[in-house]
C-alpha atoms as a PDB file:
ATOM      1  CA  MET A   1      51.451  67.206 107.851  1.00  0.00           C
ATOM      2  CA  LYS A   2      54.373  66.320 105.590  1.00  0.00           C
ATOM      3  CA  LYS A   3      52.793  68.235 102.696  1.00  0.00           C
ATOM      4  CA  ILE A   4      52.368  71.355 104.823  1.00  0.00           C
ATOM      5  CA  THR A   5      55.996  71.172 106.043  1.00  0.00           C
ATOM      6  CA  LEU A   6      57.219  70.640 102.484  1.00  0.00           C
ATOM      7  CA  LEU A   7      55.089  73.523 101.173  1.00  0.00           C
ATOM      8  CA  LEU A   8      56.240  75.797 104.009  1.00  0.00           C
ATOM      9  CA  GLY A   9      59.901  74.835 103.381  1.00  0.00           C
ATOM     10  CA  ALA A  10      59.520  75.568  99.660  1.00  0.00           C
ATOM     11  CA  PHE A  11      57.909  78.947 100.386  1.00  0.00           C
ATOM     12  CA  ILE A  12      60.694  79.944 102.844  1.00  0.00           C
ATOM     13  CA  SER A  13      63.387  78.833 100.361  1.00  0.00           C
ATOM     14  CA  LEU A  14      61.762  80.839  97.573  1.00  0.00           C
ATOM     15  CA  PHE A  15      61.523  83.885  99.847  1.00  0.00           C
ATOM     16  CA  ILE A  16      65.204  83.668 100.891  1.00  0.00           C
ATOM     17  CA  ILE A  17      66.430  83.127  97.328  1.00  0.00           C
ATOM     18  CA  SER A  18      64.482  86.082  95.996  1.00  0.00           C
ATOM     19  CA  CYS A  19      65.987  88.512  98.522  1.00  0.00           C
ATOM     20  CA  GLU A  20      68.300  91.061  97.003  1.00  0.00           C
ATOM     21  CA  GLY A  21      70.835  93.265  98.747  1.00  0.00           C
ATOM     22  CA  PRO A  22      72.475  96.518  97.718  1.00  0.00           C
ATOM     23  CA  ALA A  23      74.765  96.543  94.697  1.00  0.00           C
ATOM     24  CA  GLY A  24      78.471  96.118  95.413  1.00  0.00           C
ATOM     25  CA  PRO A  25      81.170  98.597  94.456  1.00  0.00           C
ATOM     26  CA  PRO A  26      82.061  98.806  90.764  1.00  0.00           C
ATOM     27  CA  GLY A  27      85.070  96.799  89.580  1.00  0.00           C
ATOM     28  CA  PHE A  28      88.247  98.138  88.032  1.00  0.00           C
ATOM     29  CA  ASP A  29      88.268  99.117  84.391  1.00  0.00           C
ATOM     30  CA  GLY A  30      89.887  96.502  82.184  1.00  0.00           C
ATOM     31  CA  LEU A  31      92.773  97.089  79.824  1.00  0.00           C
ATOM     32  CA  ASP A  32      91.949  97.676  76.184  1.00  0.00           C
ATOM     33  CA  GLY A  33      92.778  94.915  73.735  1.00  0.00           C
ATOM     34  CA  GLU A  34      92.350  94.519  70.011  1.00  0.00           C
ATOM     35  CA  ASP A  35      88.716  94.235  68.954  1.00  0.00           C
ATOM     36  CA  GLY A  36      87.579  90.626  68.935  1.00  0.00           C
ATOM     37  CA  GLN A  37      90.710  89.414  70.739  1.00  0.00           C
ATOM     38  CA  ASP A  38      91.369  88.580  74.344  1.00  0.00           C
ATOM     39  CA  ALA A  39      94.017  90.874  75.777  1.00  0.00           C
ATOM     40  CA  ILE A  40      96.754  88.753  77.334  1.00  0.00           C
ATOM     41  CA  GLN A  41      98.820  90.915  79.616  1.00  0.00           C
ATOM     42  CA  ALA A  42     102.231  89.353  79.044  1.00  0.00           C
ATOM     43  CA  GLN A  43     105.679  90.832  78.559  1.00  0.00           C
ATOM     44  CA  VAL A  44     108.683  89.422  76.714  1.00  0.00           C
ATOM     45  CA  PHE A  45     112.212  90.829  76.547  1.00  0.00           C
ATOM     46  CA  GLU A  46     115.761  89.587  76.093  1.00  0.00           C
ATOM     47  CA  VAL A  47     118.916  90.434  78.004  1.00  0.00           C
ATOM     48  CA  ASP A  48     122.179  89.834  76.126  1.00  0.00           C
ATOM     49  CA  ASN A  49     125.862  89.894  77.146  1.00  0.00           C
ATOM     50  CA  ILE A  50     125.209  88.470  80.599  1.00  0.00           C
ATOM     51  CA  ASP A  51     128.407  87.578  82.450  1.00  0.00           C
ATOM     52  CA  PHE A  52     127.714  85.559  85.581  1.00  0.00           C
ATOM     53  CA  GLY A  53     129.524  86.411  88.810  1.00  0.00           C
ATOM     54  CA  TYR A  54     131.086  83.587  90.824  1.00  0.00           C
ATOM     55  CA  ASP A  55     130.325  83.219  94.538  1.00  0.00           C
ATOM     56  CA  PRO A  56     133.057  80.976  95.989  1.00  0.00           C
ATOM     57  CA  GLY A  57     131.324  80.700  99.375  1.00  0.00           C
ATOM     58  CA  ASN A  58     128.311  79.024  97.775  1.00  0.00           C
ATOM     59  CA  ASN A  59     130.142  77.578  94.753  1.00  0.00           C
ATOM     60  CA  LEU A  60     127.683  79.012  92.260  1.00  0.00           C
ATOM     61  CA  TYR A  61     127.368  81.656  89.592  1.00  0.00           C
ATOM     62  CA  SER A  62     124.514  84.159  89.541  1.00  0.00           C
ATOM     63  CA  TYR A  63     123.162  87.176  87.704  1.00  0.00           C
ATOM     64  CA  LEU A  64     120.287  89.427  88.813  1.00  0.00           C
ATOM     65  CA  ILE A  65     117.883  90.924  86.254  1.00  0.00           C
ATOM     66  CA  THR A  66     115.787  93.750  87.717  1.00  0.00           C
ATOM     67  CA  PHE A  67     112.584  94.128  85.679  1.00  0.00           C
ATOM     68  CA  SER A  68     112.437  97.925  85.980  1.00  0.00           C
ATOM     69  CA  ASP A  69     115.822  98.164  84.215  1.00  0.00           C
ATOM     70  CA  PHE A  70     114.357  96.582  81.078  1.00  0.00           C
ATOM     71  CA  THR A  71     110.600  97.163  81.041  1.00  0.00           C
ATOM     72  CA  SER A  72     107.896  99.429  82.430  1.00  0.00           C
ATOM     73  CA  PHE A  73     105.494  96.455  82.495  1.00  0.00           C
ATOM     74  CA  GLU A  74     103.929  96.083  85.940  1.00  0.00           C
ATOM     75  CA  VAL A  75     104.795  92.687  87.385  1.00  0.00           C
ATOM     76  CA  PHE A  76     102.606  91.230  90.129  1.00  0.00           C
ATOM     77  CA  GLU A  77     103.521  88.702  92.802  1.00  0.00           C
ATOM     78  CA  SER A  78     101.115  86.248  91.197  1.00  0.00           C
ATOM     79  CA  ASN A  79     102.754  86.446  87.740  1.00  0.00           C
ATOM     80  CA  ALA A  80     104.729  83.521  86.377  1.00  0.00           C
ATOM     81  CA  VAL A  81     108.218  84.242  85.077  1.00  0.00           C
ATOM     82  CA  LEU A  82     109.626  81.905  82.442  1.00  0.00           C
ATOM     83  CA  VAL A  83     113.334  82.151  81.635  1.00  0.00           C
ATOM     84  CA  TYR A  84     114.768  80.733  78.405  1.00  0.00           C
ATOM     85  CA  ARG A  85     118.480  80.377  77.632  1.00  0.00           C
ATOM     86  CA  TYR A  86     119.665  80.872  74.062  1.00  0.00           C
ATOM     87  CA  ASP A  87     121.478  77.744  72.875  1.00  0.00           C
ATOM     88  CA  GLY A  88     122.501  79.044  69.445  1.00  0.00           C
ATOM     89  CA  THR A  89     121.279  78.914  65.877  1.00  0.00           C
ATOM     90  CA  ILE A  90     120.514  75.583  64.257  1.00  0.00           C
ATOM     91  CA  GLU A  91     121.124  75.174  60.528  1.00  0.00           C
ATOM     92  CA  PHE A  92     118.798  72.788  58.697  1.00  0.00           C
ATOM     93  CA  GLN A  93     119.513  70.749  55.554  1.00  0.00           C
ATOM     94  CA  ASP A  94     117.221  72.977  53.487  1.00  0.00           C
ATOM     95  CA  ASN A  95     119.518  75.978  54.210  1.00  0.00           C
ATOM     96  CA  THR A  96     117.092  77.525  56.706  1.00  0.00           C
ATOM     97  CA  SER A  97     117.914  78.205  60.324  1.00  0.00           C
ATOM     98  CA  ALA A  98     116.162  78.676  63.651  1.00  0.00           C
ATOM     99  CA  ASP A  99     117.135  79.948  67.072  1.00  0.00           C
ATOM    100  CA  ALA A 100     117.230  77.275  69.780  1.00  0.00           C
ATOM    101  CA  TRP A 101     115.950  78.237  73.239  1.00  0.00           C
ATOM    102  CA  SER A 102     115.781  76.071  76.375  1.00  0.00           C
ATOM    103  CA  LEU A 103     113.490  76.683  79.314  1.00  0.00           C
ATOM    104  CA  ILE A 104     115.482  76.667  82.526  1.00  0.00           C
ATOM    105  CA  PRO A 105     116.094  74.738  84.695  1.00  0.00           C
ATOM    106  CA  GLN A 106     118.511  73.211  82.192  1.00  0.00           C
ATOM    107  CA  ASN A 107     121.162  70.590  82.984  1.00  0.00           C
ATOM    108  CA  PHE A 108     124.551  69.957  81.410  1.00  0.00           C
ATOM    109  CA  PHE A 109     126.530  66.790  82.083  1.00  0.00           C
ATOM    110  CA  LEU A 110     130.236  67.621  81.996  1.00  0.00           C
ATOM    111  CA  PRO A 111     133.314  65.452  82.617  1.00  0.00           C
ATOM    112  CA  GLY A 112     133.691  66.942  86.126  1.00  0.00           C
ATOM    113  CA  GLY A 113     130.021  66.583  87.079  1.00  0.00           C
ATOM    114  CA  THR A 114     126.654  68.218  86.433  1.00  0.00           C
ATOM    115  CA  ILE A 115     125.723  71.890  86.248  1.00  0.00           C
ATOM    116  CA  GLN A 116     122.238  73.343  86.206  1.00  0.00           C
ATOM    117  CA  TYR A 117     120.901  76.732  85.170  1.00  0.00           C
ATOM    118  CA  SER A 118     117.996  77.641  87.470  1.00  0.00           C
ATOM    119  CA  ASN A 119     116.224  80.788  88.593  1.00  0.00           C
ATOM    120  CA  ALA A 120     114.247  82.400  91.380  1.00  0.00           C
ATOM    121  CA  HIS A 121     112.015  85.434  90.943  1.00  0.00           C
ATOM    122  CA  THR A 122     110.025  88.054  92.784  1.00  0.00           C
ATOM    123  CA  TYR A 123     107.731  90.697  91.339  1.00  0.00           C
ATOM    124  CA  LYS A 124     110.786  92.985  91.047  1.00  0.00           C
ATOM    125  CA  ASP A 125     113.494  90.749  89.615  1.00  0.00           C
ATOM    126  CA  VAL A 126     114.682  87.333  88.537  1.00  0.00           C
ATOM    127  CA  GLU A 127     118.005  85.846  89.576  1.00  0.00           C
ATOM    128  CA  ILE A 128     119.573  83.228  87.331  1.00  0.00           C
ATOM    129  CA  PHE A 129     121.955  80.693  88.890  1.00  0.00           C
ATOM    130  CA  ILE A 130     124.470  78.151  87.662  1.00  0.00           C
ATOM    131  CA  ASP A 131     124.813  75.467  90.303  1.00  0.00           C
ATOM    132  CA  GLY A 132     126.800  72.244  90.196  1.00  0.00           C
ATOM    133  CA  ASN A 133     127.969  69.201  92.076  1.00  0.00           C
ATOM    134  CA  PHE A 134     131.701  69.958  91.691  1.00  0.00           C
ATOM    135  CA  ASN A 135     134.006  72.960  92.147  1.00  0.00           C
ATOM    136  CA  LEU A 136     132.720  75.531  89.633  1.00  0.00           C
ATOM    137  CA  SER A 137     135.571  78.042  90.044  1.00  0.00           C
ATOM    138  CA  ASN A 138     137.083  76.973  86.710  1.00  0.00           C
ATOM    139  CA  LEU A 139     133.844  76.444  84.803  1.00  0.00           C
ATOM    140  CA  ASN A 140     134.244  76.976  81.057  1.00  0.00           C
ATOM    141  CA  PRO A 141     133.361  80.601  80.161  1.00  0.00           C
ATOM    142  CA  ASP A 142     131.112  79.229  77.393  1.00  0.00           C
ATOM    143  CA  PHE A 143     128.616  78.638  80.210  1.00  0.00           C
ATOM    144  CA  THR A 144     129.210  81.844  82.195  1.00  0.00           C
ATOM    145  CA  ASP A 145     130.090  84.670  79.796  1.00  0.00           C
ATOM    146  CA  ASN A 146     128.177  86.511  77.076  1.00  0.00           C
ATOM    147  CA  GLN A 147     124.909  84.649  77.677  1.00  0.00           C
ATOM    148  CA  LEU A 148     121.512  85.567  76.214  1.00  0.00           C
ATOM    149  CA  PHE A 149     118.230  84.993  78.068  1.00  0.00           C
ATOM    150  CA  ARG A 150     114.621  85.628  77.089  1.00  0.00           C
ATOM    151  CA  ILE A 151     112.278  86.524  79.944  1.00  0.00           C
ATOM    152  CA  VAL A 152     108.524  85.880  79.570  1.00  0.00           C
ATOM    153  CA  ILE A 153     106.203  87.285  82.246  1.00  0.00           C
ATOM    154  CA  LEU A 154     102.718  85.753  82.249  1.00  0.00           C
ATOM    155  CA  PRO A 155      99.625  86.248  84.399  1.00  0.00           C
ATOM    156  CA  SER A 156      99.415  83.251  86.742  1.00  0.00           C
ATOM    157  CA  GLU A 157      95.994  82.117  85.544  1.00  0.00           C
ATOM    158  CA  PHE A 158      97.299  82.115  81.983  1.00  0.00           C
ATOM    159  CA  ALA A 159     100.514  80.314  82.930  1.00  0.00           C
ATOM    160  CA  ALA A 160      98.438  77.607  84.597  1.00  0.00           C
ATOM    161  CA  ALA A 161      96.780  76.819  81.250  1.00  0.00           C
ATOM    162  CA  LYS A 162      97.714  73.681  79.400  1.00  0.00           C
ATOM    163  CA  MET A 163     100.484  75.079  77.264  1.00  0.00           C
ATOM    164  CA  ASP A 164     103.861  73.562  76.461  1.00  0.00           C
ATOM    165  CA  LYS A 165     105.984  76.106  78.290  1.00  0.00           C
ATOM    166  CA  SER A 166     109.174  74.308  77.244  1.00  0.00           C
ATOM    167  CA  ASN A 167     108.384  75.235  73.613  1.00  0.00           C
ATOM    168  CA  ILE A 168     109.145  78.940  73.323  1.00  0.00           C
ATOM    169  CA  ASN A 169     107.465  79.123  69.903  1.00  0.00           C
ATOM    170  CA  ALA A 170     104.199  77.787  71.345  1.00  0.00           C
ATOM    171  CA  VAL A 171     104.355  80.293  74.208  1.00  0.00           C
ATOM    172  CA  MET A 172     105.082  83.192  71.849  1.00  0.00           C
ATOM    173  CA  LYS A 173     102.241  82.182  69.515  1.00  0.00           C
ATOM    174  CA  THR A 174      99.798  81.810  72.396  1.00  0.00           C
ATOM    175  CA  ILE A 175     100.533  85.281  73.800  1.00  0.00           C
ATOM    176  CA  GLY A 176     100.593  86.820  70.320  1.00  0.00           C
ATOM    177  CA  VAL A 177     104.189  88.090  70.299  1.00  0.00           C
ATOM    178  CA  LYS A 178     106.441  87.687  67.251  1.00  0.00           C
ATOM    179  CA  ASN A 179     110.174  87.076  67.627  1.00  0.00           C
ATOM    180  CA  GLU A 180     111.003  90.249  65.721  1.00  0.00           C
ATOM    181  CA  ASP A 181     108.942  92.273  68.232  1.00  0.00           C
ATOM    182  CA  VAL A 182     110.937  91.128  71.269  1.00  0.00           C
ATOM    183  CA  PRO A 183     113.172  93.955  72.534  1.00  0.00           C
ATOM    184  CA  ARG A 184     116.776  93.011  73.251  1.00  0.00           C
ATOM    185  CA  PHE A 185     118.805  94.811  75.894  1.00  0.00           C
ATOM    186  CA  LYS A 186     122.489  94.568  76.745  1.00  0.00           C
ATOM    187  CA  ALA A 187     123.405  93.688  80.303  1.00  0.00           C
ATOM    188  CA  GLN A 188     125.189  96.416  82.203  1.00  0.00           C
END
């Protein structure tokens, strides 16, 4: 009896597995990439001459970057937005130099307390903040005026990959963008 039940169960399983329904709707066409390369849909741009505005009610500085002002790249709610602050140029002993970038959030420990650059984004914009644990109304303009930021927009599944996002050079290499190809815009 057990053999008949087992044989009948196997036959029913085989019958159910071999059933086929109608084909589903076709998917969307993909974006073209270079032959032999995966197309990573990422966008990178810089915004220079940013002067933060002070909000005394919240004791913080902020600046809003609207993506459509600087790029026609379509940003989705699921995209990751990385914001890097330009720290200056570093001169090496061999007479070469390199730009220094820091992924925010970024902290600074000052005599009056601590400040932090941070950000919040939507699929339309990114707002950069300077927050602190002391009265920021007289914060040194070196932190608030004429700032340069690099914005990197990545697909979420790509941003979730094991990549050192704090190393801007690693991010740029991974997405295949060279520093000289990054457009720079002046804040308005």
